[in-house]
Amino acid sequence: MFALTDSALMELKRTKNELTDRLNARNTEHANVGAFLAASAPRSDDELRAELTQLRDTLERAESALTSLRIELEE
C-alpha cells in the first residue's frame, strides 16, 4: 500500500497536473485566436492581390511625381 504513494508517483502526478493546466491554457488561447480571426472577417487572396496591385500603382505614381518635382527643382 505504501508503494503507491512514493515520491516518484507523487512527482509524476504533479507533472501531469501542470501539463494538463498548460494544455487547457493553450486550448483556451487557440479558441480565442480562432474567434478573433473569425470576427475580423479576413480577406480572401483575390482581395489581397487586388489591394497589392492598387498599392503598387499608387507607389509608381508617387515615385513619378517625385521624379518630376526633382527635375523641376534642378531646372
PDB file of N, CA and C in Angstrom:
ATOM      1  N   MET A   1       0.823  -1.185   0.000  1.00  0.00           N
ATOM      2  CA  MET A   1       0.000   0.000   0.000  1.00  0.00           C
ATOM      3  C   MET A   1       0.866   1.247   0.000  1.00  0.00           C
ATOM      4  N   PHE A   2       1.971   1.262   0.753  1.00  0.00           N
ATOM      5  CA  PHE A   2       2.806   2.455   0.818  1.00  0.00           C
ATOM      6  C   PHE A   2       3.590   2.663  -0.472  1.00  0.00           C
ATOM      7  N   ALA A   3       3.729   1.643  -1.267  1.00  0.00           N
ATOM      8  CA  ALA A   3       4.463   1.773  -2.522  1.00  0.00           C
ATOM      9  C   ALA A   3       3.686   2.628  -3.521  1.00  0.00           C
ATOM     10  N   LEU A   4       2.379   2.744  -3.340  1.00  0.00           N
ATOM     11  CA  LEU A   4       1.568   3.527  -4.259  1.00  0.00           C
ATOM     12  C   LEU A   4       1.706   5.033  -4.036  1.00  0.00           C
ATOM     13  N   THR A   5       2.277   5.442  -2.945  1.00  0.00           N
ATOM     14  CA  THR A   5       2.390   6.872  -2.651  1.00  0.00           C
ATOM     15  C   THR A   5       3.844   7.311  -2.534  1.00  0.00           C
ATOM     16  N   ASP A   6       4.731   6.648  -3.223  1.00  0.00           N
ATOM     17  CA  ASP A   6       6.132   7.043  -3.123  1.00  0.00           C
ATOM     18  C   ASP A   6       6.359   8.370  -3.854  1.00  0.00           C
ATOM     19  N   SER A   7       7.502   8.947  -3.651  1.00  0.00           N
ATOM     20  CA  SER A   7       7.789  10.286  -4.166  1.00  0.00           C
ATOM     21  C   SER A   7       7.793  10.342  -5.687  1.00  0.00           C
ATOM     22  N   ALA A   8       8.210   9.290  -6.349  1.00  0.00           N
ATOM     23  CA  ALA A   8       8.224   9.286  -7.806  1.00  0.00           C
ATOM     24  C   ALA A   8       6.806   9.385  -8.368  1.00  0.00           C
ATOM     25  N   LEU A   9       5.884   8.647  -7.782  1.00  0.00           N
ATOM     26  CA  LEU A   9       4.499   8.694  -8.227  1.00  0.00           C
ATOM     27  C   LEU A   9       3.887  10.067  -7.972  1.00  0.00           C
ATOM     28  N   MET A  10       4.164  10.643  -6.811  1.00  0.00           N
ATOM     29  CA  MET A  10       3.658  11.976  -6.477  1.00  0.00           C
ATOM     30  C   MET A  10       4.212  13.016  -7.450  1.00  0.00           C
ATOM     31  N   GLU A  11       5.482  12.899  -7.829  1.00  0.00           N
ATOM     32  CA  GLU A  11       6.103  13.832  -8.771  1.00  0.00           C
ATOM     33  C   GLU A  11       5.451  13.690 -10.144  1.00  0.00           C
ATOM     34  N   LEU A  12       5.173  12.462 -10.553  1.00  0.00           N
ATOM     35  CA  LEU A  12       4.517  12.250 -11.842  1.00  0.00           C
ATOM     36  C   LEU A  12       3.104  12.832 -11.855  1.00  0.00           C
ATOM     37  N   LYS A  13       2.395  12.703 -10.766  1.00  0.00           N
ATOM     38  CA  LYS A  13       1.055  13.279 -10.677  1.00  0.00           C
ATOM     39  C   LYS A  13       1.115  14.800 -10.748  1.00  0.00           C
ATOM     40  N   ARG A  14       2.094  15.386 -10.068  1.00  0.00           N
ATOM     41  CA  ARG A  14       2.259  16.846 -10.085  1.00  0.00           C
ATOM     42  C   ARG A  14       2.590  17.322 -11.502  1.00  0.00           C
ATOM     43  N   THR A  15       3.481  16.608 -12.171  1.00  0.00           N
ATOM     44  CA  THR A  15       3.859  16.954 -13.544  1.00  0.00           C
ATOM     45  C   THR A  15       2.660  16.832 -14.470  1.00  0.00           C
ATOM     46  N   LYS A  16       1.878  15.764 -14.295  1.00  0.00           N
ATOM     47  CA  LYS A  16       0.674  15.571 -15.106  1.00  0.00           C
ATOM     48  C   LYS A  16      -0.291  16.731 -14.919  1.00  0.00           C
ATOM     49  N   ASN A  17      -0.494  17.155 -13.686  1.00  0.00           N
ATOM     50  CA  ASN A  17      -1.401  18.274 -13.416  1.00  0.00           C
ATOM     51  C   ASN A  17      -0.889  19.575 -14.046  1.00  0.00           C
ATOM     52  N   GLU A  18       0.414  19.824 -13.973  1.00  0.00           N
ATOM     53  CA  GLU A  18       0.986  21.023 -14.583  1.00  0.00           C
ATOM     54  C   GLU A  18       0.800  21.000 -16.093  1.00  0.00           C
ATOM     55  N   LEU A  19       1.065  19.847 -16.697  1.00  0.00           N
ATOM     56  CA  LEU A  19       0.914  19.739 -18.150  1.00  0.00           C
ATOM     57  C   LEU A  19      -0.543  19.863 -18.577  1.00  0.00           C
ATOM     58  N   THR A  20      -1.439  19.323 -17.784  1.00  0.00           N
ATOM     59  CA  THR A  20      -2.866  19.450 -18.081  1.00  0.00           C
ATOM     60  C   THR A  20      -3.291  20.912 -18.017  1.00  0.00           C
ATOM     61  N   ASP A  21      -2.811  21.637 -17.011  1.00  0.00           N
ATOM     62  CA  ASP A  21      -3.126  23.062 -16.895  1.00  0.00           C
ATOM     63  C   ASP A  21      -2.582  23.844 -18.085  1.00  0.00           C
ATOM     64  N   ARG A  22      -1.348  23.545 -18.494  1.00  0.00           N
ATOM     65  CA  ARG A  22      -0.758  24.231 -19.646  1.00  0.00           C
ATOM     66  C   ARG A  22      -1.532  23.926 -20.922  1.00  0.00           C
ATOM     67  N   LEU A  23      -1.943  22.673 -21.094  1.00  0.00           N
ATOM     68  CA  LEU A  23      -2.719  22.279 -22.268  1.00  0.00           C
ATOM     69  C   LEU A  23      -4.054  23.018 -22.293  1.00  0.00           C
ATOM     70  N   ASN A  24      -4.718  23.096 -21.159  1.00  0.00           N
ATOM     71  CA  ASN A  24      -6.001  23.803 -21.097  1.00  0.00           C
ATOM     72  C   ASN A  24      -5.827  25.283 -21.429  1.00  0.00           C
ATOM     73  N   ALA A  25      -4.751  25.891 -20.943  1.00  0.00           N
ATOM     74  CA  ALA A  25      -4.486  27.300 -21.248  1.00  0.00           C
ATOM     75  C   ALA A  25      -4.242  27.487 -22.736  1.00  0.00           C
ATOM     76  N   ARG A  26      -3.486  26.595 -23.344  1.00  0.00           N
ATOM     77  CA  ARG A  26      -3.207  26.697 -24.787  1.00  0.00           C
ATOM     78  C   ARG A  26      -4.476  26.481 -25.614  1.00  0.00           C
ATOM     79  N   ASN A  27      -5.320  25.543 -25.188  1.00  0.00           N
ATOM     80  CA  ASN A  27      -6.582  25.317 -25.893  1.00  0.00           C
ATOM     81  C   ASN A  27      -7.483  26.545 -25.808  1.00  0.00           C
ATOM     82  N   THR A  28      -7.517  27.191 -24.667  1.00  0.00           N
ATOM     83  CA  THR A  28      -8.299  28.412 -24.499  1.00  0.00           C
ATOM     84  C   THR A  28      -7.752  29.518 -25.388  1.00  0.00           C
ATOM     85  N   GLU A  29      -6.417  29.663 -25.409  1.00  0.00           N
ATOM     86  CA  GLU A  29      -5.785  30.672 -26.260  1.00  0.00           C
ATOM     87  C   GLU A  29      -6.094  30.400 -27.734  1.00  0.00           C
ATOM     88  N   HIS A  30      -6.024  29.158 -28.134  1.00  0.00           N
ATOM     89  CA  HIS A  30      -6.335  28.775 -29.519  1.00  0.00           C
ATOM     90  C   HIS A  30      -7.770  29.147 -29.862  1.00  0.00           C
ATOM     91  N   ALA A  31      -8.689  28.855 -28.976  1.00  0.00           N
ATOM     92  CA  ALA A  31     -10.098  29.183 -29.212  1.00  0.00           C
ATOM     93  C   ALA A  31     -10.292  30.693 -29.317  1.00  0.00           C
ATOM     94  N   ASN A  32      -9.608  31.453 -28.469  1.00  0.00           N
ATOM     95  CA  ASN A  32      -9.725  32.911 -28.509  1.00  0.00           C
ATOM     96  C   ASN A  32      -9.187  33.481 -29.815  1.00  0.00           C
ATOM     97  N   VAL A  33      -8.052  32.990 -30.254  1.00  0.00           N
ATOM     98  CA  VAL A  33      -7.475  33.461 -31.517  1.00  0.00           C
ATOM     99  C   VAL A  33      -8.393  33.089 -32.680  1.00  0.00           C
ATOM    100  N   GLY A  34      -8.914  31.889 -32.665  1.00  0.00           N
ATOM    101  CA  GLY A  34      -9.843  31.474 -33.714  1.00  0.00           C
ATOM    102  C   GLY A  34     -11.083  32.356 -33.753  1.00  0.00           C
ATOM    103  N   ALA A  35     -11.621  32.689 -32.601  1.00  0.00           N
ATOM    104  CA  ALA A  35     -12.800  33.559 -32.538  1.00  0.00           C
ATOM    105  C   ALA A  35     -12.463  34.958 -33.046  1.00  0.00           C
ATOM    106  N   PHE A  36     -11.291  35.463 -32.681  1.00  0.00           N
ATOM    107  CA  PHE A  36     -10.870  36.783 -33.154  1.00  0.00           C
ATOM    108  C   PHE A  36     -10.746  36.800 -34.670  1.00  0.00           C
ATOM    109  N   LEU A  37     -10.098  35.786 -35.230  1.00  0.00           N
ATOM    110  CA  LEU A  37      -9.916  35.736 -36.677  1.00  0.00           C
ATOM    111  C   LEU A  37     -11.249  35.601 -37.402  1.00  0.00           C
ATOM    112  N   ALA A  38     -12.153  34.831 -36.852  1.00  0.00           N
ATOM    113  CA  ALA A  38     -13.464  34.683 -37.474  1.00  0.00           C
ATOM    114  C   ALA A  38     -14.240  35.992 -37.425  1.00  0.00           C
ATOM    115  N   ALA A  39     -14.109  36.736 -36.336  1.00  0.00           N
ATOM    116  CA  ALA A  39     -14.826  38.004 -36.185  1.00  0.00           C
ATOM    117  C   ALA A  39     -14.216  39.114 -37.037  1.00  0.00           C
ATOM    118  N   SER A  40     -12.943  39.001 -37.350  1.00  0.00           N
ATOM    119  CA  SER A  40     -12.283  40.070 -38.104  1.00  0.00           C
ATOM    120  C   SER A  40     -12.541  39.961 -39.600  1.00  0.00           C
ATOM    121  N   ALA A  41     -13.247  38.952 -40.034  1.00  0.00           N
ATOM    122  CA  ALA A  41     -13.594  38.755 -41.445  1.00  0.00           C
ATOM    123  C   ALA A  41     -12.370  38.907 -42.332  1.00  0.00           C
ATOM    124  N   PRO A  42     -11.468  37.952 -42.283  1.00  0.00           N
ATOM    125  CA  PRO A  42     -10.256  38.054 -43.089  1.00  0.00           C
ATOM    126  C   PRO A  42     -10.579  38.111 -44.576  1.00  0.00           C
ATOM    127  N   ARG A  43      -9.718  38.824 -45.307  1.00  0.00           N
ATOM    128  CA  ARG A  43      -9.939  39.000 -46.740  1.00  0.00           C
ATOM    129  C   ARG A  43      -9.394  37.807 -47.514  1.00  0.00           C
ATOM    130  N   SER A  44      -9.990  37.605 -48.667  1.00  0.00           N
ATOM    131  CA  SER A  44      -9.566  36.486 -49.497  1.00  0.00           C
ATOM    132  C   SER A  44      -8.255  36.830 -50.200  1.00  0.00           C
ATOM    133  N   ASP A  45      -7.632  35.829 -50.794  1.00  0.00           N
ATOM    134  CA  ASP A  45      -6.397  36.046 -51.535  1.00  0.00           C
ATOM    135  C   ASP A  45      -6.614  37.002 -52.698  1.00  0.00           C
ATOM    136  N   ASP A  46      -7.748  36.885 -53.370  1.00  0.00           N
ATOM    137  CA  ASP A  46      -8.034  37.771 -54.503  1.00  0.00           C
ATOM    138  C   ASP A  46      -8.150  39.225 -54.051  1.00  0.00           C
ATOM    139  N   GLU A  47      -8.800  39.445 -52.918  1.00  0.00           N
ATOM    140  CA  GLU A  47      -8.914  40.811 -52.388  1.00  0.00           C
ATOM    141  C   GLU A  47      -7.543  41.366 -52.029  1.00  0.00           C
ATOM    142  N   LEU A  48      -6.716  40.544 -51.426  1.00  0.00           N
ATOM    143  CA  LEU A  48      -5.377  40.998 -51.056  1.00  0.00           C
ATOM    144  C   LEU A  48      -4.530  41.288 -52.285  1.00  0.00           C
ATOM    145  N   ARG A  49      -4.644  40.462 -53.316  1.00  0.00           N
ATOM    146  CA  ARG A  49      -3.894  40.712 -54.557  1.00  0.00           C
ATOM    147  C   ARG A  49      -4.339  42.020 -55.207  1.00  0.00           C
ATOM    148  N   ALA A  50      -5.639  42.266 -55.220  1.00  0.00           N
ATOM    149  CA  ALA A  50      -6.166  43.499 -55.807  1.00  0.00           C
ATOM    150  C   ALA A  50      -5.646  44.710 -55.042  1.00  0.00           C
ATOM    151  N   GLU A  51      -5.626  44.620 -53.712  1.00  0.00           N
ATOM    152  CA  GLU A  51      -5.108  45.732 -52.910  1.00  0.00           C
ATOM    153  C   GLU A  51      -3.618  45.934 -53.155  1.00  0.00           C
ATOM    154  N   LEU A  52      -2.878  44.854 -53.292  1.00  0.00           N
ATOM    155  CA  LEU A  52      -1.453  44.956 -53.574  1.00  0.00           C
ATOM    156  C   LEU A  52      -1.212  45.638 -54.915  1.00  0.00           C
ATOM    157  N   THR A  53      -1.982  45.276 -55.917  1.00  0.00           N
ATOM    158  CA  THR A  53      -1.857  45.911 -57.229  1.00  0.00           C
ATOM    159  C   THR A  53      -2.165  47.396 -57.139  1.00  0.00           C
ATOM    160  N   GLN A  54      -3.199  47.739 -56.410  1.00  0.00           N
ATOM    161  CA  GLN A  54      -3.564  49.144 -56.235  1.00  0.00           C
ATOM    162  C   GLN A  54      -2.458  49.908 -55.510  1.00  0.00           C
ATOM    163  N   LEU A  55      -1.889  49.314 -54.488  1.00  0.00           N
ATOM    164  CA  LEU A  55      -0.823  49.977 -53.747  1.00  0.00           C
ATOM    165  C   LEU A  55       0.432  50.146 -54.604  1.00  0.00           C
ATOM    166  N   ARG A  56       0.730  49.170 -55.438  1.00  0.00           N
ATOM    167  CA  ARG A  56       1.883  49.289 -56.333  1.00  0.00           C
ATOM    168  C   ARG A  56       1.671  50.411 -57.348  1.00  0.00           C
ATOM    169  N   ASP A  57       0.435  50.530 -57.862  1.00  0.00           N
ATOM    170  CA  ASP A  57       0.133  51.621 -58.786  1.00  0.00           C
ATOM    171  C   ASP A  57       0.284  52.979 -58.098  1.00  0.00           C
ATOM    172  N   THR A  58      -0.202  53.069 -56.877  1.00  0.00           N
ATOM    173  CA  THR A  58      -0.069  54.309 -56.117  1.00  0.00           C
ATOM    174  C   THR A  58       1.396  54.641 -55.891  1.00  0.00           C
ATOM    175  N   LEU A  59       2.207  53.645 -55.576  1.00  0.00           N
ATOM    176  CA  LEU A  59       3.636  53.862 -55.378  1.00  0.00           C
ATOM    177  C   LEU A  59       4.299  54.351 -56.662  1.00  0.00           C
ATOM    178  N   GLU A  60       3.939  53.749 -57.796  1.00  0.00           N
ATOM    179  CA  GLU A  60       4.513  54.174 -59.076  1.00  0.00           C
ATOM    180  C   GLU A  60       4.165  55.630 -59.382  1.00  0.00           C
ATOM    181  N   ARG A  61       2.903  56.008 -59.126  1.00  0.00           N
ATOM    182  CA  ARG A  61       2.501  57.400 -59.367  1.00  0.00           C
ATOM    183  C   ARG A  61       3.248  58.352 -58.444  1.00  0.00           C
ATOM    184  N   ALA A  62       3.422  57.970 -57.189  1.00  0.00           N
ATOM    185  CA  ALA A  62       4.137  58.820 -56.241  1.00  0.00           C
ATOM    186  C   ALA A  62       5.602  58.962 -56.635  1.00  0.00           C
ATOM    187  N   GLU A  63       6.220  57.874 -57.063  1.00  0.00           N
ATOM    188  CA  GLU A  63       7.614  57.945 -57.497  1.00  0.00           C
ATOM    189  C   GLU A  63       7.751  58.797 -58.753  1.00  0.00           C
ATOM    190  N   SER A  64       6.793  58.702 -59.657  1.00  0.00           N
ATOM    191  CA  SER A  64       6.809  59.510 -60.866  1.00  0.00           C
ATOM    192  C   SER A  64       6.664  60.993 -60.525  1.00  0.00           C
ATOM    193  N   ALA A  65       5.752  61.309 -59.623  1.00  0.00           N
ATOM    194  CA  ALA A  65       5.576  62.702 -59.206  1.00  0.00           C
ATOM    195  C   ALA A  65       6.829  63.227 -58.516  1.00  0.00           C
ATOM    196  N   LEU A  66       7.461  62.409 -57.703  1.00  0.00           N
ATOM    197  CA  LEU A  66       8.691  62.810 -57.020  1.00  0.00           C
ATOM    198  C   LEU A  66       9.799  63.077 -58.031  1.00  0.00           C
ATOM    199  N   THR A  67       9.936  62.225 -59.004  1.00  0.00           N
ATOM    200  CA  THR A  67      10.945  62.408 -60.047  1.00  0.00           C
ATOM    201  C   THR A  67      10.676  63.696 -60.811  1.00  0.00           C
ATOM    202  N   SER A  68       9.420  63.943 -61.132  1.00  0.00           N
ATOM    203  CA  SER A  68       9.035  65.150 -61.845  1.00  0.00           C
ATOM    204  C   SER A  68       9.387  66.405 -61.031  1.00  0.00           C
ATOM    205  N   LEU A  69       9.094  66.370 -59.744  1.00  0.00           N
ATOM    206  CA  LEU A  69       9.417  67.512 -58.874  1.00  0.00           C
ATOM    207  C   LEU A  69      10.924  67.726 -58.768  1.00  0.00           C
ATOM    208  N   ARG A  70      11.670  66.669 -58.713  1.00  0.00           N
ATOM    209  CA  ARG A  70      13.134  66.801 -58.647  1.00  0.00           C
ATOM    210  C   ARG A  70      13.691  67.444 -59.921  1.00  0.00           C
ATOM    211  N   ILE A  71      13.133  67.041 -61.057  1.00  0.00           N
ATOM    212  CA  ILE A  71      13.578  67.619 -62.331  1.00  0.00           C
ATOM    213  C   ILE A  71      13.249  69.109 -62.363  1.00  0.00           C
ATOM    214  N   GLU A  72      12.053  69.472 -61.898  1.00  0.00           N
ATOM    215  CA  GLU A  72      11.670  70.890 -61.859  1.00  0.00           C
ATOM    216  C   GLU A  72      12.596  71.685 -60.939  1.00  0.00           C
ATOM    217  N   LEU A  73      12.986  71.107 -59.812  1.00  0.00           N
ATOM    218  CA  LEU A  73      13.879  71.815 -58.881  1.00  0.00           C
ATOM    219  C   LEU A  73      15.261  71.988 -59.457  1.00  0.00           C
ATOM    220  N   GLU A  74      15.716  71.044 -60.231  1.00  0.00           N
ATOM    221  CA  GLU A  74      17.052  71.135 -60.810  1.00  0.00           C
ATOM    222  C   GLU A  74      17.121  72.217 -61.880  1.00  0.00           C
ATOM    223  N   GLU A  75      15.985  72.482 -62.533  1.00  0.00           N
ATOM    224  CA  GLU A  75      15.959  73.496 -63.587  1.00  0.00           C
ATOM    225  C   GLU A  75      15.898  74.828 -62.964  1.00  0.00           C
TER     226      GLU A  75
END
